[in-house]
Amino acid sequence: MALDGDQGTGTLSGLSPEEAKEFHSVFMTSFIGFTVIAIVAHVLVWMWRPWLPPVGGYSSLMENTQLALSQVLPFIG
């Protein structure tokens, strides 16, 4: 039993092979772009605050940050 507008292609999506290739191309480009953005975001967050804290805990990161700021602020202001 064929539906109205069905050309008998036998595909579930109803797309022609050319349309399916075009959709696949756009989908893969978008997926790869999203994946690259997600990887960059994860690396930046890891650089900001590692998911596994150092031996001294996150408090040692704060001490290093305060030390770095105290050395940089005189040059800024």
PDB file of N, CA and C in Angstrom:
ATOM      1  N   MET A   1       0.846  -1.179   0.000  1.00  0.00           N
ATOM      2  CA  MET A   1       0.000   0.000   0.000  1.00  0.00           C
ATOM      3  C   MET A   1       0.889   1.239   0.000  1.00  0.00           C
ATOM      4  N   ALA A   2       0.807   2.052  -1.029  1.00  0.00           N
ATOM      5  CA  ALA A   2       1.629   3.248  -1.170  1.00  0.00           C
ATOM      6  C   ALA A   2       0.868   4.463  -0.674  1.00  0.00           C
ATOM      7  N   LEU A   3       1.591   5.339   0.022  1.00  0.00           N
ATOM      8  CA  LEU A   3       1.006   6.591   0.475  1.00  0.00           C
ATOM      9  C   LEU A   3       1.015   7.601  -0.664  1.00  0.00           C
ATOM     10  N   ASP A   4       0.187   8.612  -0.559  1.00  0.00           N
ATOM     11  CA  ASP A   4       0.179   9.669  -1.579  1.00  0.00           C
ATOM     12  C   ASP A   4       1.545  10.344  -1.614  1.00  0.00           C
ATOM     13  N   GLY A   5       2.088  10.521  -2.788  1.00  0.00           N
ATOM     14  CA  GLY A   5       3.380  11.170  -2.933  1.00  0.00           C
ATOM     15  C   GLY A   5       4.549  10.215  -2.790  1.00  0.00           C
ATOM     16  N   ASP A   6       4.319   8.954  -2.515  1.00  0.00           N
ATOM     17  CA  ASP A   6       5.392   7.975  -2.378  1.00  0.00           C
ATOM     18  C   ASP A   6       5.786   7.494  -3.760  1.00  0.00           C
ATOM     19  N   GLN A   7       7.054   7.673  -4.133  1.00  0.00           N
ATOM     20  CA  GLN A   7       7.503   7.240  -5.444  1.00  0.00           C
ATOM     21  C   GLN A   7       7.985   5.794  -5.433  1.00  0.00           C
ATOM     22  N   GLY A   8       7.787   5.094  -4.340  1.00  0.00           N
ATOM     23  CA  GLY A   8       8.220   3.710  -4.275  1.00  0.00           C
ATOM     24  C   GLY A   8       9.713   3.550  -4.098  1.00  0.00           C
ATOM     25  N   THR A   9      10.354   4.526  -3.425  1.00  0.00           N
ATOM     26  CA  THR A   9      11.800   4.428  -3.229  1.00  0.00           C
ATOM     27  C   THR A   9      12.144   3.383  -2.186  1.00  0.00           C
ATOM     28  N   GLY A  10      11.219   3.081  -1.305  1.00  0.00           N
ATOM     29  CA  GLY A  10      11.460   2.068  -0.293  1.00  0.00           C
ATOM     30  C   GLY A  10      12.261   2.557   0.899  1.00  0.00           C
ATOM     31  N   THR A  11      12.506   3.856   1.020  1.00  0.00           N
ATOM     32  CA  THR A  11      13.253   4.358   2.174  1.00  0.00           C
ATOM     33  C   THR A  11      12.293   4.785   3.262  1.00  0.00           C
ATOM     34  N   LEU A  12      12.743   4.688   4.474  1.00  0.00           N
ATOM     35  CA  LEU A  12      11.902   5.087   5.605  1.00  0.00           C
ATOM     36  C   LEU A  12      11.748   6.603   5.682  1.00  0.00           C
ATOM     37  N   SER A  13      12.791   7.339   5.282  1.00  0.00           N
ATOM     38  CA  SER A  13      12.732   8.795   5.380  1.00  0.00           C
ATOM     39  C   SER A  13      11.991   9.435   4.217  1.00  0.00           C
ATOM     40  N   GLY A  14      11.912   8.739   3.101  1.00  0.00           N
ATOM     41  CA  GLY A  14      11.276   9.313   1.929  1.00  0.00           C
ATOM     42  C   GLY A  14      12.188  10.225   1.145  1.00  0.00           C
ATOM     43  N   LEU A  15      13.477  10.307   1.534  1.00  0.00           N
ATOM     44  CA  LEU A  15      14.433  11.147   0.822  1.00  0.00           C
ATOM     45  C   LEU A  15      15.007  10.388  -0.370  1.00  0.00           C
ATOM     46  N   SER A  16      15.325  11.140  -1.403  1.00  0.00           N
ATOM     47  CA  SER A  16      16.027  10.527  -2.529  1.00  0.00           C
ATOM     48  C   SER A  16      17.483  10.304  -2.112  1.00  0.00           C
ATOM     49  N   PRO A  17      18.212   9.467  -2.822  1.00  0.00           N
ATOM     50  CA  PRO A  17      19.621   9.249  -2.461  1.00  0.00           C
ATOM     51  C   PRO A  17      20.443  10.547  -2.447  1.00  0.00           C
ATOM     52  N   GLU A  18      20.172  11.463  -3.373  1.00  0.00           N
ATOM     53  CA  GLU A  18      20.902  12.734  -3.395  1.00  0.00           C
ATOM     54  C   GLU A  18      20.561  13.578  -2.168  1.00  0.00           C
ATOM     55  N   GLU A  19      19.275  13.613  -1.807  1.00  0.00           N
ATOM     56  CA  GLU A  19      18.860  14.361  -0.617  1.00  0.00           C
ATOM     57  C   GLU A  19      19.443  13.744   0.643  1.00  0.00           C
ATOM     58  N   ALA A  20      19.498  12.429   0.680  1.00  0.00           N
ATOM     59  CA  ALA A  20      20.062  11.753   1.845  1.00  0.00           C
ATOM     60  C   ALA A  20      21.551  12.057   1.976  1.00  0.00           C
ATOM     61  N   LYS A  21      22.281  12.089   0.864  1.00  0.00           N
ATOM     62  CA  LYS A  21      23.709  12.416   0.906  1.00  0.00           C
ATOM     63  C   LYS A  21      23.918  13.856   1.366  1.00  0.00           C
ATOM     64  N   GLU A  22      23.082  14.757   0.879  1.00  0.00           N
ATOM     65  CA  GLU A  22      23.193  16.158   1.289  1.00  0.00           C
ATOM     66  C   GLU A  22      22.895  16.302   2.788  1.00  0.00           C
ATOM     67  N   PHE A  23      21.845  15.648   3.255  1.00  0.00           N
ATOM     68  CA  PHE A  23      21.514  15.706   4.675  1.00  0.00           C
ATOM     69  C   PHE A  23      22.656  15.116   5.506  1.00  0.00           C
ATOM     70  N   HIS A  24      23.211  14.000   5.056  1.00  0.00           N
ATOM     71  CA  HIS A  24      24.316  13.361   5.781  1.00  0.00           C
ATOM     72  C   HIS A  24      25.516  14.296   5.852  1.00  0.00           C
ATOM     73  N   SER A  25      25.801  14.994   4.758  1.00  0.00           N
ATOM     74  CA  SER A  25      26.926  15.921   4.736  1.00  0.00           C
ATOM     75  C   SER A  25      26.728  17.056   5.736  1.00  0.00           C
ATOM     76  N   VAL A  26      25.536  17.647   5.746  1.00  0.00           N
ATOM     77  CA  VAL A  26      25.250  18.740   6.681  1.00  0.00           C
ATOM     78  C   VAL A  26      25.289  18.225   8.120  1.00  0.00           C
ATOM     79  N   PHE A  27      24.720  17.044   8.342  1.00  0.00           N
ATOM     80  CA  PHE A  27      24.704  16.476   9.692  1.00  0.00           C
ATOM     81  C   PHE A  27      26.122  16.219  10.185  1.00  0.00           C
ATOM     82  N   MET A  28      26.958  15.611   9.361  1.00  0.00           N
ATOM     83  CA  MET A  28      28.317  15.288   9.791  1.00  0.00           C
ATOM     84  C   MET A  28      29.138  16.550  10.038  1.00  0.00           C
ATOM     85  N   THR A  29      28.969  17.564   9.185  1.00  0.00           N
ATOM     86  CA  THR A  29      29.680  18.822   9.398  1.00  0.00           C
ATOM     87  C   THR A  29      29.264  19.461  10.723  1.00  0.00           C
ATOM     88  N   SER A  30      27.975  19.478  10.998  1.00  0.00           N
ATOM     89  CA  SER A  30      27.484  20.045  12.257  1.00  0.00           C
ATOM     90  C   SER A  30      27.963  19.235  13.453  1.00  0.00           C
ATOM     91  N   PHE A  31      27.939  17.918  13.337  1.00  0.00           N
ATOM     92  CA  PHE A  31      28.367  17.057  14.437  1.00  0.00           C
ATOM     93  C   PHE A  31      29.847  17.246  14.735  1.00  0.00           C
ATOM     94  N   ILE A  32      30.672  17.304  13.697  1.00  0.00           N
ATOM     95  CA  ILE A  32      32.112  17.496  13.910  1.00  0.00           C
ATOM     96  C   ILE A  32      32.377  18.870  14.506  1.00  0.00           C
ATOM     97  N   GLY A  33      31.681  19.894  14.026  1.00  0.00           N
ATOM     98  CA  GLY A  33      31.849  21.233  14.596  1.00  0.00           C
ATOM     99  C   GLY A  33      31.467  21.275  16.066  1.00  0.00           C
ATOM    100  N   PHE A  34      30.342  20.661  16.412  1.00  0.00           N
ATOM    101  CA  PHE A  34      29.918  20.609  17.813  1.00  0.00           C
ATOM    102  C   PHE A  34      30.944  19.869  18.663  1.00  0.00           C
ATOM    103  N   THR A  35      31.453  18.751  18.146  1.00  0.00           N
ATOM    104  CA  THR A  35      32.435  17.956  18.893  1.00  0.00           C
ATOM    105  C   THR A  35      33.712  18.752  19.131  1.00  0.00           C
ATOM    106  N   VAL A  36      34.187  19.477  18.127  1.00  0.00           N
ATOM    107  CA  VAL A  36      35.402  20.291  18.284  1.00  0.00           C
ATOM    108  C   VAL A  36      35.175  21.384  19.329  1.00  0.00           C
ATOM    109  N   ILE A  37      34.027  22.053  19.268  1.00  0.00           N
ATOM    110  CA  ILE A  37      33.729  23.097  20.260  1.00  0.00           C
ATOM    111  C   ILE A  37      33.663  22.500  21.663  1.00  0.00           C
ATOM    112  N   ALA A  38      33.063  21.321  21.803  1.00  0.00           N
ATOM    113  CA  ALA A  38      32.972  20.672  23.114  1.00  0.00           C
ATOM    114  C   ALA A  38      34.353  20.296  23.638  1.00  0.00           C
ATOM    115  N   ILE A  39      35.218  19.796  22.770  1.00  0.00           N
ATOM    116  CA  ILE A  39      36.575  19.429  23.208  1.00  0.00           C
ATOM    117  C   ILE A  39      37.342  20.663  23.655  1.00  0.00           C
ATOM    118  N   VAL A  40      37.253  21.747  22.886  1.00  0.00           N
ATOM    119  CA  VAL A  40      37.937  22.987  23.267  1.00  0.00           C
ATOM    120  C   VAL A  40      37.399  23.496  24.598  1.00  0.00           C
ATOM    121  N   ALA A  41      36.083  23.457  24.788  1.00  0.00           N
ATOM    122  CA  ALA A  41      35.493  23.911  26.054  1.00  0.00           C
ATOM    123  C   ALA A  41      35.983  23.057  27.216  1.00  0.00           C
ATOM    124  N   HIS A  42      36.065  21.745  27.037  1.00  0.00           N
ATOM    125  CA  HIS A  42      36.538  20.882  28.114  1.00  0.00           C
ATOM    126  C   HIS A  42      38.006  21.156  28.450  1.00  0.00           C
ATOM    127  N   VAL A  43      38.819  21.387  27.434  1.00  0.00           N
ATOM    128  CA  VAL A  43      40.236  21.694  27.687  1.00  0.00           C
ATOM    129  C   VAL A  43      40.359  23.009  28.446  1.00  0.00           C
ATOM    130  N   LEU A  44      39.584  24.015  28.044  1.00  0.00           N
ATOM    131  CA  LEU A  44      39.653  25.305  28.738  1.00  0.00           C
ATOM    132  C   LEU A  44      39.200  25.183  30.192  1.00  0.00           C
ATOM    133  N   VAL A  45      38.152  24.415  30.444  1.00  0.00           N
ATOM    134  CA  VAL A  45      37.693  24.220  31.823  1.00  0.00           C
ATOM    135  C   VAL A  45      38.737  23.444  32.614  1.00  0.00           C
ATOM    136  N   TRP A  46      39.367  22.454  31.991  1.00  0.00           N
ATOM    137  CA  TRP A  46      40.418  21.685  32.680  1.00  0.00           C
ATOM    138  C   TRP A  46      41.577  22.601  33.057  1.00  0.00           C
ATOM    139  N   MET A  47      41.931  23.536  32.143  1.00  0.00           N
ATOM    140  CA  MET A  47      43.025  24.459  32.447  1.00  0.00           C
ATOM    141  C   MET A  47      42.635  25.410  33.576  1.00  0.00           C
ATOM    142  N   TRP A  48      41.348  25.786  33.632  1.00  0.00           N
ATOM    143  CA  TRP A  48      40.886  26.702  34.667  1.00  0.00           C
ATOM    144  C   TRP A  48      40.820  26.005  36.023  1.00  0.00           C
ATOM    145  N   ARG A  49      40.214  24.827  36.054  1.00  0.00           N
ATOM    146  CA  ARG A  49      40.092  24.097  37.297  1.00  0.00           C
ATOM    147  C   ARG A  49      40.113  22.597  36.989  1.00  0.00           C
ATOM    148  N   PRO A  50      41.254  21.968  37.250  1.00  0.00           N
ATOM    149  CA  PRO A  50      41.354  20.524  36.960  1.00  0.00           C
ATOM    150  C   PRO A  50      40.299  19.737  37.738  1.00  0.00           C
ATOM    151  N   TRP A  51      39.784  18.685  37.082  1.00  0.00           N
ATOM    152  CA  TRP A  51      38.766  17.870  37.720  1.00  0.00           C
ATOM    153  C   TRP A  51      39.352  17.020  38.842  1.00  0.00           C
ATOM    154  N   LEU A  52      40.625  16.704  38.732  1.00  0.00           N
ATOM    155  CA  LEU A  52      41.309  15.971  39.795  1.00  0.00           C
ATOM    156  C   LEU A  52      42.195  16.972  40.523  1.00  0.00           C
ATOM    157  N   PRO A  53      41.902  17.264  41.774  1.00  0.00           N
ATOM    158  CA  PRO A  53      42.659  18.302  42.480  1.00  0.00           C
ATOM    159  C   PRO A  53      44.100  17.873  42.717  1.00  0.00           C
ATOM    160  N   PRO A  54      45.007  18.837  42.867  1.00  0.00           N
ATOM    161  CA  PRO A  54      46.394  18.498  43.190  1.00  0.00           C
ATOM    162  C   PRO A  54      46.497  17.907  44.590  1.00  0.00           C
ATOM    163  N   VAL A  55      47.705  17.513  44.974  1.00  0.00           N
ATOM    164  CA  VAL A  55      47.913  16.837  46.254  1.00  0.00           C
ATOM    165  C   VAL A  55      47.422  17.686  47.422  1.00  0.00           C
ATOM    166  N   GLY A  56      47.629  18.987  47.377  1.00  0.00           N
ATOM    167  CA  GLY A  56      47.222  19.863  48.465  1.00  0.00           C
ATOM    168  C   GLY A  56      45.755  20.251  48.414  1.00  0.00           C
ATOM    169  N   GLY A  57      45.017  19.759  47.446  1.00  0.00           N
ATOM    170  CA  GLY A  57      43.613  20.127  47.304  1.00  0.00           C
ATOM    171  C   GLY A  57      43.468  21.425  46.534  1.00  0.00           C
ATOM    172  N   TYR A  58      42.233  21.853  46.364  1.00  0.00           N
ATOM    173  CA  TYR A  58      41.982  23.074  45.614  1.00  0.00           C
ATOM    174  C   TYR A  58      42.478  24.316  46.347  1.00  0.00           C
ATOM    175  N   SER A  59      42.672  24.232  47.646  1.00  0.00           N
ATOM    176  CA  SER A  59      43.162  25.399  48.385  1.00  0.00           C
ATOM    177  C   SER A  59      44.567  25.775  47.928  1.00  0.00           C
ATOM    178  N   SER A  60      45.379  24.799  47.517  1.00  0.00           N
ATOM    179  CA  SER A  60      46.714  25.117  47.029  1.00  0.00           C
ATOM    180  C   SER A  60      46.638  25.881  45.708  1.00  0.00           C
ATOM    181  N   LEU A  61      45.615  25.620  44.906  1.00  0.00           N
ATOM    182  CA  LEU A  61      45.436  26.385  43.675  1.00  0.00           C
ATOM    183  C   LEU A  61      45.119  27.832  43.992  1.00  0.00           C
ATOM    184  N   MET A  62      44.322  28.067  45.023  1.00  0.00           N
ATOM    185  CA  MET A  62      43.942  29.424  45.402  1.00  0.00           C
ATOM    186  C   MET A  62      45.171  30.193  45.893  1.00  0.00           C
ATOM    187  N   GLU A  63      46.028  29.544  46.647  1.00  0.00           N
ATOM    188  CA  GLU A  63      47.239  30.213  47.126  1.00  0.00           C
ATOM    189  C   GLU A  63      48.125  30.620  45.954  1.00  0.00           C
ATOM    190  N   ASN A  64      48.266  29.732  44.962  1.00  0.00           N
ATOM    191  CA  ASN A  64      49.076  30.060  43.792  1.00  0.00           C
ATOM    192  C   ASN A  64      48.453  31.199  42.996  1.00  0.00           C
ATOM    193  N   THR A  65      47.141  31.232  42.915  1.00  0.00           N
ATOM    194  CA  THR A  65      46.453  32.295  42.192  1.00  0.00           C
ATOM    195  C   THR A  65      46.651  33.633  42.892  1.00  0.00           C
ATOM    196  N   GLN A  66      46.531  33.645  44.215  1.00  0.00           N
ATOM    197  CA  GLN A  66      46.721  34.887  44.969  1.00  0.00           C
ATOM    198  C   GLN A  66      48.159  35.382  44.833  1.00  0.00           C
ATOM    199  N   LEU A  67      49.110  34.459  44.833  1.00  0.00           N
ATOM    200  CA  LEU A  67      50.513  34.842  44.673  1.00  0.00           C
ATOM    201  C   LEU A  67      50.731  35.447  43.285  1.00  0.00           C
ATOM    202  N   ALA A  68      50.174  34.837  42.260  1.00  0.00           N
ATOM    203  CA  ALA A  68      50.334  35.344  40.902  1.00  0.00           C
ATOM    204  C   ALA A  68      49.684  36.720  40.769  1.00  0.00           C
ATOM    205  N   LEU A  69      48.498  36.887  41.337  1.00  0.00           N
ATOM    206  CA  LEU A  69      47.824  38.181  41.271  1.00  0.00           C
ATOM    207  C   LEU A  69      48.592  39.269  42.000  1.00  0.00           C
ATOM    208  N   SER A  70      49.163  38.935  43.149  1.00  0.00           N
ATOM    209  CA  SER A  70      49.922  39.943  43.891  1.00  0.00           C
ATOM    210  C   SER A  70      51.155  40.384  43.130  1.00  0.00           C
ATOM    211  N   GLN A  71      51.685  39.542  42.263  1.00  0.00           N
ATOM    212  CA  GLN A  71      52.856  39.928  41.478  1.00  0.00           C
ATOM    213  C   GLN A  71      52.471  40.686  40.209  1.00  0.00           C
ATOM    214  N   VAL A  72      51.273  40.444  39.669  1.00  0.00           N
ATOM    215  CA  VAL A  72      50.854  41.068  38.407  1.00  0.00           C
ATOM    216  C   VAL A  72      50.151  42.402  38.647  1.00  0.00           C
ATOM    217  N   LEU A  73      49.379  42.531  39.725  1.00  0.00           N
ATOM    218  CA  LEU A  73      48.587  43.742  39.952  1.00  0.00           C
ATOM    219  C   LEU A  73      49.400  45.029  39.992  1.00  0.00           C
ATOM    220  N   PRO A  74      50.617  45.071  40.554  1.00  0.00           N
ATOM    221  CA  PRO A  74      51.365  46.340  40.528  1.00  0.00           C
ATOM    222  C   PRO A  74      51.662  46.831  39.111  1.00  0.00           C
ATOM    223  N   PHE A  75      51.796  45.937  38.172  1.00  0.00           N
ATOM    224  CA  PHE A  75      52.070  46.346  36.789  1.00  0.00           C
ATOM    225  C   PHE A  75      50.827  46.887  36.099  1.00  0.00           C
ATOM    226  N   ILE A  76      49.658  46.447  36.531  1.00  0.00           N
ATOM    227  CA  ILE A  76      48.407  46.876  35.918  1.00  0.00           C
ATOM    228  C   ILE A  76      47.981  48.244  36.449  1.00  0.00           C
ATOM    229  N   GLY A  77      48.042  48.407  37.755  1.00  0.00           N
ATOM    230  CA  GLY A  77      47.514  49.633  38.363  1.00  0.00           C
ATOM    231  C   GLY A  77      48.570  50.534  38.771  1.00  0.00           C
TER     232      GLY A  77
END
